[in-house]
Amino acid sequence: MPRWWLAAACLIAFAPAAEAGQRNAHASARAVHPASVRQDAALQDSARQDATAQDAAATSTGFVGESGTASYYGPRHHGRLTAAGTRFDQTQLTAAHPWLPFGTKVRVTLAGTGRSVVVVITDRLYSSRRIVDLSLAAAEQLGMIRQGIATVTLSPS
């Protein structure tokens, strides 16, 4: 009997077992494990407890302010984990900054209008073109939703 028949017979014999294994792997990947929920809650508690210490750390960084371009998070980020370990909530006054400590409160002032909002740094920004990414709530308070990006000044709160 030719070898290709042997290979074909093996594929036919083992294909159902491999398919069942893939179905089980996908099902377990979708399952929410109680341990991960507890871990997420613990991360949120830890972030809240460290906020005061991080505010003190921000003053020790020598941050006096900066000006540049701001944008805001799109709705696809809502509910995702931030770099601080908390869930992003687009209805809260939060922002991402490249280096300020998490929990730091910063006043963001829109150039030209003088409108400002105080936000809490909860995430990291990985863009060299912007100095801050704002939550939807913060962007709405500044009135920058229509334009999407705007020139702002950051100052300690």
N, C-alpha and C. Protein backbone atom coordinates (compact mmCIF):
# COMPACT_ATOMS: atom_id res chain seq x y z
N MET A 1 0.84 -1.17 0.00
CA MET A 1 0.00 0.00 0.00
C MET A 1 0.90 1.25 0.00
N PRO A 2 0.58 2.26 -0.85
CA PRO A 2 1.40 3.47 -0.91
C PRO A 2 1.34 4.27 0.40
N ARG A 3 2.40 5.02 0.67
CA ARG A 3 2.49 5.78 1.93
C ARG A 3 1.44 6.89 2.02
N TRP A 4 1.06 7.47 0.92
CA TRP A 4 0.10 8.56 1.00
C TRP A 4 -1.24 8.07 1.51
N TRP A 5 -1.56 6.78 1.29
CA TRP A 5 -2.80 6.20 1.84
C TRP A 5 -2.72 6.16 3.36
N LEU A 6 -1.55 5.82 3.88
CA LEU A 6 -1.36 5.77 5.33
C LEU A 6 -1.53 7.16 5.94
N ALA A 7 -0.95 8.17 5.29
CA ALA A 7 -1.08 9.54 5.79
C ALA A 7 -2.54 10.01 5.75
N ALA A 8 -3.24 9.68 4.68
CA ALA A 8 -4.65 10.06 4.55
C ALA A 8 -5.49 9.37 5.62
N ALA A 9 -5.21 8.10 5.88
CA ALA A 9 -5.96 7.37 6.90
C ALA A 9 -5.74 7.98 8.29
N CYS A 10 -4.50 8.40 8.58
CA CYS A 10 -4.21 9.04 9.88
C CYS A 10 -4.96 10.36 10.01
N LEU A 11 -4.98 11.15 8.95
CA LEU A 11 -5.68 12.44 8.99
C LEU A 11 -7.17 12.24 9.24
N ILE A 12 -7.75 11.27 8.56
CA ILE A 12 -9.18 11.00 8.72
C ILE A 12 -9.47 10.49 10.13
N ALA A 13 -8.59 9.67 10.66
CA ALA A 13 -8.81 9.08 11.99
C ALA A 13 -8.66 10.11 13.11
N PHE A 14 -7.70 11.02 12.99
CA PHE A 14 -7.41 11.94 14.09
C PHE A 14 -8.06 13.32 13.95
N ALA A 15 -8.64 13.65 12.83
CA ALA A 15 -9.25 14.97 12.63
C ALA A 15 -10.38 15.25 13.62
N PRO A 16 -11.31 14.32 13.90
CA PRO A 16 -12.37 14.62 14.87
C PRO A 16 -11.82 14.92 16.27
N ALA A 17 -10.77 14.25 16.69
CA ALA A 17 -10.20 14.49 18.03
C ALA A 17 -9.56 15.88 18.09
N ALA A 18 -8.87 16.28 17.04
CA ALA A 18 -8.25 17.60 17.02
C ALA A 18 -9.31 18.70 17.02
N GLU A 19 -10.39 18.49 16.26
CA GLU A 19 -11.47 19.47 16.21
C GLU A 19 -12.14 19.62 17.57
N ALA A 20 -12.35 18.54 18.27
CA ALA A 20 -12.96 18.60 19.60
C ALA A 20 -12.05 19.35 20.56
N GLY A 21 -10.77 19.16 20.46
CA GLY A 21 -9.83 19.88 21.31
C GLY A 21 -9.87 21.37 21.05
N GLN A 22 -10.01 21.76 19.77
CA GLN A 22 -10.09 23.18 19.45
C GLN A 22 -11.37 23.78 20.00
N ARG A 23 -12.49 23.07 19.92
CA ARG A 23 -13.75 23.58 20.46
C ARG A 23 -13.62 23.82 21.95
N ASN A 24 -13.00 22.87 22.68
CA ASN A 24 -12.84 23.02 24.12
C ASN A 24 -11.91 24.18 24.45
N ALA A 25 -10.87 24.38 23.64
CA ALA A 25 -9.94 25.48 23.89
C ALA A 25 -10.64 26.82 23.73
N HIS A 26 -11.49 26.94 22.67
CA HIS A 26 -12.21 28.19 22.46
C HIS A 26 -13.21 28.43 23.58
N ALA A 27 -13.87 27.40 24.05
CA ALA A 27 -14.85 27.55 25.12
C ALA A 27 -14.18 28.01 26.40
N SER A 28 -13.01 27.47 26.72
CA SER A 28 -12.34 27.87 27.95
C SER A 28 -11.77 29.28 27.82
N ALA A 29 -11.42 29.70 26.62
CA ALA A 29 -10.90 31.06 26.44
C ALA A 29 -12.00 32.09 26.66
N ARG A 30 -13.27 31.73 26.35
CA ARG A 30 -14.37 32.66 26.53
C ARG A 30 -14.87 32.69 27.97
N ALA A 31 -14.59 31.65 28.73
CA ALA A 31 -15.11 31.57 30.09
C ALA A 31 -14.44 32.61 30.98
N VAL A 32 -15.23 33.22 31.86
CA VAL A 32 -14.69 34.18 32.83
C VAL A 32 -14.44 33.43 34.11
N HIS A 33 -13.20 33.41 34.53
CA HIS A 33 -12.83 32.69 35.74
C HIS A 33 -12.99 33.60 36.94
N PRO A 34 -13.57 33.10 38.04
CA PRO A 34 -13.76 33.91 39.25
C PRO A 34 -12.46 34.51 39.76
N ALA A 35 -11.35 33.81 39.60
CA ALA A 35 -10.07 34.33 40.07
C ALA A 35 -9.69 35.61 39.33
N SER A 36 -9.99 35.69 38.02
CA SER A 36 -9.65 36.90 37.27
C SER A 36 -10.53 38.07 37.69
N VAL A 37 -11.78 37.79 38.06
CA VAL A 37 -12.67 38.85 38.54
C VAL A 37 -12.16 39.38 39.87
N ARG A 38 -11.75 38.47 40.77
CA ARG A 38 -11.20 38.90 42.07
C ARG A 38 -9.92 39.70 41.87
N GLN A 39 -9.08 39.27 40.93
CA GLN A 39 -7.83 39.97 40.68
C GLN A 39 -8.11 41.38 40.16
N ASP A 40 -9.10 41.54 39.27
CA ASP A 40 -9.45 42.85 38.75
C ASP A 40 -9.93 43.77 39.88
N ALA A 41 -10.75 43.25 40.79
CA ALA A 41 -11.23 44.04 41.92
C ALA A 41 -10.07 44.44 42.83
N ALA A 42 -9.13 43.54 43.04
CA ALA A 42 -7.98 43.84 43.88
C ALA A 42 -7.11 44.93 43.24
N LEU A 43 -6.96 44.89 41.92
CA LEU A 43 -6.19 45.92 41.23
C LEU A 43 -6.85 47.29 41.37
N GLN A 44 -8.19 47.33 41.27
CA GLN A 44 -8.90 48.59 41.41
C GLN A 44 -8.73 49.14 42.82
N ASP A 45 -8.86 48.30 43.84
CA ASP A 45 -8.68 48.74 45.23
C ASP A 45 -7.27 49.27 45.43
N SER A 46 -6.29 48.57 44.90
CA SER A 46 -4.90 48.97 45.05
C SER A 46 -4.66 50.33 44.39
N ALA A 47 -5.24 50.54 43.21
CA ALA A 47 -5.07 51.82 42.50
C ALA A 47 -5.68 52.96 43.31
N ARG A 48 -6.85 52.73 43.92
CA ARG A 48 -7.48 53.77 44.74
C ARG A 48 -6.64 54.09 45.97
N GLN A 49 -6.10 53.06 46.61
CA GLN A 49 -5.32 53.27 47.82
C GLN A 49 -4.02 54.00 47.53
N ASP A 50 -3.46 53.78 46.36
CA ASP A 50 -2.19 54.40 46.02
C ASP A 50 -2.33 55.82 45.44
N ALA A 51 -3.55 56.28 45.21
CA ALA A 51 -3.75 57.58 44.56
C ALA A 51 -3.10 58.72 45.33
N THR A 52 -3.24 58.72 46.65
CA THR A 52 -2.66 59.80 47.45
C THR A 52 -1.14 59.77 47.37
N ALA A 53 -0.56 58.60 47.47
CA ALA A 53 0.89 58.48 47.39
C ALA A 53 1.39 58.91 46.01
N GLN A 54 0.63 58.61 44.97
CA GLN A 54 1.04 58.97 43.62
C GLN A 54 0.92 60.48 43.38
N ASP A 55 -0.07 61.12 44.01
CA ASP A 55 -0.17 62.57 43.91
C ASP A 55 1.07 63.22 44.50
N ALA A 56 1.51 62.69 45.64
CA ALA A 56 2.72 63.21 46.27
C ALA A 56 3.93 62.97 45.36
N ALA A 57 3.96 61.82 44.71
CA ALA A 57 5.06 61.51 43.80
C ALA A 57 5.08 62.46 42.61
N ALA A 58 3.90 62.88 42.14
CA ALA A 58 3.83 63.79 40.99
C ALA A 58 4.46 65.13 41.32
N THR A 59 4.26 65.61 42.54
CA THR A 59 4.87 66.88 42.90
C THR A 59 6.38 66.74 42.98
N SER A 60 6.85 65.55 43.32
CA SER A 60 8.29 65.35 43.40
C SER A 60 8.93 65.17 42.02
N THR A 61 8.13 64.96 40.98
CA THR A 61 8.68 64.81 39.63
C THR A 61 9.10 66.15 39.05
N GLY A 62 8.64 67.23 39.66
CA GLY A 62 8.96 68.55 39.14
C GLY A 62 8.07 68.98 38.00
N PHE A 63 6.92 68.33 37.83
CA PHE A 63 5.99 68.67 36.76
C PHE A 63 5.43 70.06 36.99
N VAL A 64 5.67 70.97 36.06
CA VAL A 64 5.14 72.32 36.18
C VAL A 64 4.14 72.63 35.07
N GLY A 65 4.01 71.74 34.12
CA GLY A 65 3.05 71.91 33.04
C GLY A 65 3.69 71.71 31.68
N GLU A 66 2.83 71.58 30.68
CA GLU A 66 3.29 71.45 29.30
C GLU A 66 2.15 71.76 28.36
N SER A 67 2.47 72.11 27.14
CA SER A 67 1.47 72.40 26.12
C SER A 67 1.70 71.50 24.93
N GLY A 68 0.60 71.17 24.26
CA GLY A 68 0.70 70.31 23.09
C GLY A 68 -0.67 69.88 22.61
N THR A 69 -0.70 68.78 21.88
CA THR A 69 -1.93 68.29 21.28
C THR A 69 -2.58 67.23 22.15
N ALA A 70 -3.91 67.32 22.26
CA ALA A 70 -4.69 66.33 23.00
C ALA A 70 -5.69 65.67 22.05
N SER A 71 -6.04 64.44 22.37
CA SER A 71 -7.11 63.74 21.66
C SER A 71 -7.94 63.05 22.72
N TYR A 72 -8.95 62.29 22.29
CA TYR A 72 -9.72 61.55 23.28
C TYR A 72 -9.94 60.12 22.84
N TYR A 73 -10.15 59.25 23.83
CA TYR A 73 -10.37 57.83 23.60
C TYR A 73 -11.67 57.61 22.84
N GLY A 74 -11.65 56.71 21.89
CA GLY A 74 -12.87 56.32 21.21
C GLY A 74 -13.65 55.33 22.05
N PRO A 75 -14.90 55.08 21.70
CA PRO A 75 -15.75 54.19 22.50
C PRO A 75 -15.26 52.74 22.56
N ARG A 76 -14.41 52.33 21.65
CA ARG A 76 -13.94 50.93 21.68
C ARG A 76 -13.05 50.65 22.89
N HIS A 77 -12.55 51.70 23.55
CA HIS A 77 -11.70 51.51 24.73
C HIS A 77 -12.50 51.33 26.01
N HIS A 78 -13.80 51.68 25.97
CA HIS A 78 -14.64 51.60 27.18
C HIS A 78 -14.66 50.17 27.72
N GLY A 79 -14.34 50.04 29.00
CA GLY A 79 -14.35 48.73 29.65
C GLY A 79 -13.04 47.98 29.60
N ARG A 80 -12.09 48.43 28.82
CA ARG A 80 -10.79 47.75 28.75
C ARG A 80 -9.92 48.13 29.94
N LEU A 81 -8.97 47.25 30.25
CA LEU A 81 -8.04 47.54 31.35
C LEU A 81 -7.06 48.64 30.94
N THR A 82 -6.81 49.56 31.86
CA THR A 82 -5.82 50.61 31.64
C THR A 82 -4.47 50.12 32.14
N ALA A 83 -3.44 50.89 31.89
CA ALA A 83 -2.11 50.53 32.37
C ALA A 83 -2.05 50.54 33.90
N ALA A 84 -2.95 51.29 34.54
CA ALA A 84 -3.00 51.33 36.01
C ALA A 84 -3.71 50.11 36.58
N GLY A 85 -4.33 49.30 35.72
CA GLY A 85 -5.01 48.10 36.19
C GLY A 85 -6.48 48.28 36.47
N THR A 86 -7.04 49.45 36.15
CA THR A 86 -8.47 49.69 36.35
C THR A 86 -9.17 49.62 35.00
N ARG A 87 -10.47 49.46 35.02
CA ARG A 87 -11.25 49.45 33.78
C ARG A 87 -11.49 50.88 33.33
N PHE A 88 -11.26 51.14 32.04
CA PHE A 88 -11.50 52.48 31.50
C PHE A 88 -12.99 52.73 31.43
N ASP A 89 -13.41 53.88 31.97
CA ASP A 89 -14.81 54.29 31.95
C ASP A 89 -14.88 55.64 31.26
N GLN A 90 -15.47 55.68 30.07
CA GLN A 90 -15.49 56.91 29.30
C GLN A 90 -16.33 58.02 29.93
N THR A 91 -17.11 57.68 30.97
CA THR A 91 -17.93 58.69 31.65
C THR A 91 -17.20 59.36 32.80
N GLN A 92 -15.99 58.91 33.12
CA GLN A 92 -15.20 59.49 34.20
C GLN A 92 -14.19 60.48 33.64
N LEU A 93 -13.74 61.39 34.48
CA LEU A 93 -12.77 62.40 34.07
C LEU A 93 -11.36 61.85 34.25
N THR A 94 -10.90 61.09 33.25
CA THR A 94 -9.59 60.44 33.31
C THR A 94 -8.81 60.76 32.04
N ALA A 95 -7.51 60.40 32.07
CA ALA A 95 -6.65 60.67 30.92
C ALA A 95 -5.46 59.73 30.92
N ALA A 96 -4.80 59.68 29.76
CA ALA A 96 -3.55 58.94 29.61
C ALA A 96 -2.43 59.95 29.38
N HIS A 97 -1.29 59.70 30.01
CA HIS A 97 -0.12 60.58 29.88
C HIS A 97 1.11 59.69 29.79
N PRO A 98 2.14 60.12 29.05
CA PRO A 98 3.31 59.25 28.86
C PRO A 98 4.09 58.91 30.13
N TRP A 99 4.18 59.84 31.11
CA TRP A 99 5.07 59.56 32.23
C TRP A 99 4.56 59.99 33.61
N LEU A 100 3.52 60.78 33.71
CA LEU A 100 3.03 61.18 35.03
C LEU A 100 2.53 59.95 35.80
N PRO A 101 2.76 59.90 37.10
CA PRO A 101 2.31 58.74 37.89
C PRO A 101 0.79 58.57 37.86
N PHE A 102 0.34 57.34 37.91
CA PHE A 102 -1.09 57.06 37.97
C PHE A 102 -1.67 57.70 39.22
N GLY A 103 -2.88 58.23 39.08
CA GLY A 103 -3.54 58.89 40.20
C GLY A 103 -3.25 60.38 40.27
N THR A 104 -2.33 60.87 39.44
CA THR A 104 -2.01 62.30 39.43
C THR A 104 -3.19 63.08 38.86
N LYS A 105 -3.56 64.17 39.53
CA LYS A 105 -4.61 65.05 39.03
C LYS A 105 -3.96 66.18 38.25
N VAL A 106 -4.48 66.41 37.04
CA VAL A 106 -3.92 67.41 36.13
C VAL A 106 -5.05 68.28 35.60
N ARG A 107 -4.81 69.59 35.55
CA ARG A 107 -5.78 70.49 34.92
C ARG A 107 -5.44 70.59 33.44
N VAL A 108 -6.43 70.33 32.60
CA VAL A 108 -6.27 70.42 31.14
C VAL A 108 -7.06 71.64 30.68
N THR A 109 -6.37 72.59 30.05
CA THR A 109 -7.02 73.83 29.60
C THR A 109 -6.95 73.90 28.08
N LEU A 110 -8.10 74.11 27.46
CA LEU A 110 -8.19 74.20 26.00
C LEU A 110 -7.70 75.57 25.54
N ALA A 111 -6.72 75.58 24.66
CA ALA A 111 -6.17 76.84 24.14
C ALA A 111 -7.25 77.58 23.36
N GLY A 112 -7.27 78.87 23.52
CA GLY A 112 -8.23 79.69 22.77
C GLY A 112 -9.52 79.95 23.51
N THR A 113 -10.03 78.96 24.24
CA THR A 113 -11.30 79.14 24.93
C THR A 113 -11.12 79.32 26.43
N GLY A 114 -10.05 78.78 26.97
CA GLY A 114 -9.83 78.86 28.41
C GLY A 114 -10.64 77.85 29.21
N ARG A 115 -11.45 77.04 28.53
CA ARG A 115 -12.21 76.00 29.24
C ARG A 115 -11.24 74.98 29.80
N SER A 116 -11.52 74.51 31.03
CA SER A 116 -10.60 73.55 31.64
C SER A 116 -11.36 72.48 32.40
N VAL A 117 -10.66 71.38 32.65
CA VAL A 117 -11.21 70.25 33.39
C VAL A 117 -10.05 69.60 34.13
N VAL A 118 -10.34 69.07 35.32
CA VAL A 118 -9.33 68.34 36.08
C VAL A 118 -9.55 66.85 35.84
N VAL A 119 -8.50 66.16 35.42
CA VAL A 119 -8.57 64.73 35.13
C VAL A 119 -7.57 63.98 36.00
N VAL A 120 -7.79 62.67 36.12
CA VAL A 120 -6.89 61.79 36.86
C VAL A 120 -6.17 60.92 35.84
N ILE A 121 -4.85 60.81 35.95
CA ILE A 121 -4.07 59.97 35.03
C ILE A 121 -4.25 58.51 35.43
N THR A 122 -4.80 57.71 34.50
CA THR A 122 -5.05 56.29 34.76
C THR A 122 -4.45 55.37 33.70
N ASP A 123 -3.80 55.95 32.69
CA ASP A 123 -3.31 55.12 31.59
C ASP A 123 -2.06 55.75 31.00
N ARG A 124 -1.41 55.01 30.13
CA ARG A 124 -0.21 55.48 29.43
C ARG A 124 -0.57 55.86 28.00
N LEU A 125 0.11 56.86 27.50
CA LEU A 125 -0.06 57.35 26.13
C LEU A 125 1.19 56.95 25.35
N TYR A 126 0.99 56.30 24.21
CA TYR A 126 2.12 55.82 23.43
C TYR A 126 2.19 56.51 22.08
N SER A 127 1.97 57.82 22.08
CA SER A 127 2.05 58.59 20.84
C SER A 127 3.03 59.74 21.04
N SER A 128 3.91 59.92 20.10
CA SER A 128 4.86 61.03 20.20
C SER A 128 4.25 62.33 19.70
N ARG A 129 3.07 62.26 19.11
CA ARG A 129 2.44 63.46 18.56
C ARG A 129 1.50 64.15 19.54
N ARG A 130 1.11 63.47 20.62
CA ARG A 130 0.16 64.04 21.58
C ARG A 130 0.75 64.01 22.98
N ILE A 131 0.26 64.90 23.84
CA ILE A 131 0.73 64.91 25.22
C ILE A 131 -0.28 64.27 26.16
N VAL A 132 -1.53 64.12 25.72
CA VAL A 132 -2.56 63.54 26.59
C VAL A 132 -3.70 62.99 25.74
N ASP A 133 -4.28 61.88 26.20
CA ASP A 133 -5.52 61.33 25.64
C ASP A 133 -6.56 61.45 26.74
N LEU A 134 -7.69 62.05 26.44
CA LEU A 134 -8.73 62.30 27.42
C LEU A 134 -9.88 61.31 27.29
N SER A 135 -10.61 61.12 28.38
CA SER A 135 -11.83 60.32 28.32
C SER A 135 -12.88 61.13 27.56
N LEU A 136 -13.94 60.48 27.12
CA LEU A 136 -15.02 61.15 26.41
C LEU A 136 -15.63 62.25 27.28
N ALA A 137 -15.84 61.97 28.57
CA ALA A 137 -16.43 62.96 29.48
C ALA A 137 -15.56 64.21 29.57
N ALA A 138 -14.25 64.04 29.67
CA ALA A 138 -13.35 65.19 29.75
C ALA A 138 -13.35 65.98 28.44
N ALA A 139 -13.34 65.28 27.32
CA ALA A 139 -13.35 65.95 26.02
C ALA A 139 -14.65 66.73 25.82
N GLU A 140 -15.77 66.18 26.29
CA GLU A 140 -17.05 66.88 26.19
C GLU A 140 -17.03 68.16 27.02
N GLN A 141 -16.47 68.10 28.23
CA GLN A 141 -16.42 69.30 29.07
C GLN A 141 -15.55 70.39 28.44
N LEU A 142 -14.53 69.98 27.72
CA LEU A 142 -13.67 70.97 27.05
C LEU A 142 -14.29 71.47 25.74
N GLY A 143 -15.24 70.73 25.20
CA GLY A 143 -15.86 71.12 23.94
C GLY A 143 -15.01 70.79 22.73
N MET A 144 -14.28 69.68 22.79
CA MET A 144 -13.39 69.32 21.67
C MET A 144 -13.85 68.06 20.92
N ILE A 145 -15.08 67.63 21.13
CA ILE A 145 -15.57 66.40 20.49
C ILE A 145 -15.61 66.55 18.97
N ARG A 146 -16.14 67.64 18.47
CA ARG A 146 -16.30 67.82 17.03
C ARG A 146 -14.95 67.81 16.30
N GLN A 147 -13.95 68.49 16.86
CA GLN A 147 -12.66 68.57 16.18
C GLN A 147 -11.79 67.34 16.40
N GLY A 148 -11.99 66.60 17.50
CA GLY A 148 -11.24 65.37 17.75
C GLY A 148 -9.89 65.56 18.40
N ILE A 149 -9.15 66.53 17.94
CA ILE A 149 -7.87 66.87 18.57
C ILE A 149 -7.86 68.37 18.83
N ALA A 150 -7.07 68.79 19.81
CA ALA A 150 -7.02 70.21 20.14
C ALA A 150 -5.71 70.53 20.83
N THR A 151 -5.34 71.80 20.82
CA THR A 151 -4.16 72.26 21.55
C THR A 151 -4.58 72.57 22.98
N VAL A 152 -3.83 72.00 23.93
CA VAL A 152 -4.16 72.16 25.35
C VAL A 152 -2.90 72.49 26.14
N THR A 153 -3.13 72.95 27.36
CA THR A 153 -2.06 73.15 28.32
C THR A 153 -2.36 72.30 29.54
N LEU A 154 -1.38 71.53 30.00
CA LEU A 154 -1.51 70.74 31.22
C LEU A 154 -0.82 71.49 32.34
N SER A 155 -1.45 71.50 33.51
CA SER A 155 -0.84 72.12 34.68
C SER A 155 -1.20 71.29 35.91
N PRO A 156 -0.38 71.36 36.96
CA PRO A 156 -0.70 70.62 38.18
C PRO A 156 -2.03 71.10 38.74
N SER A 157 -2.79 70.19 39.30
CA SER A 157 -4.10 70.54 39.84
C SER A 157 -3.99 70.88 41.31
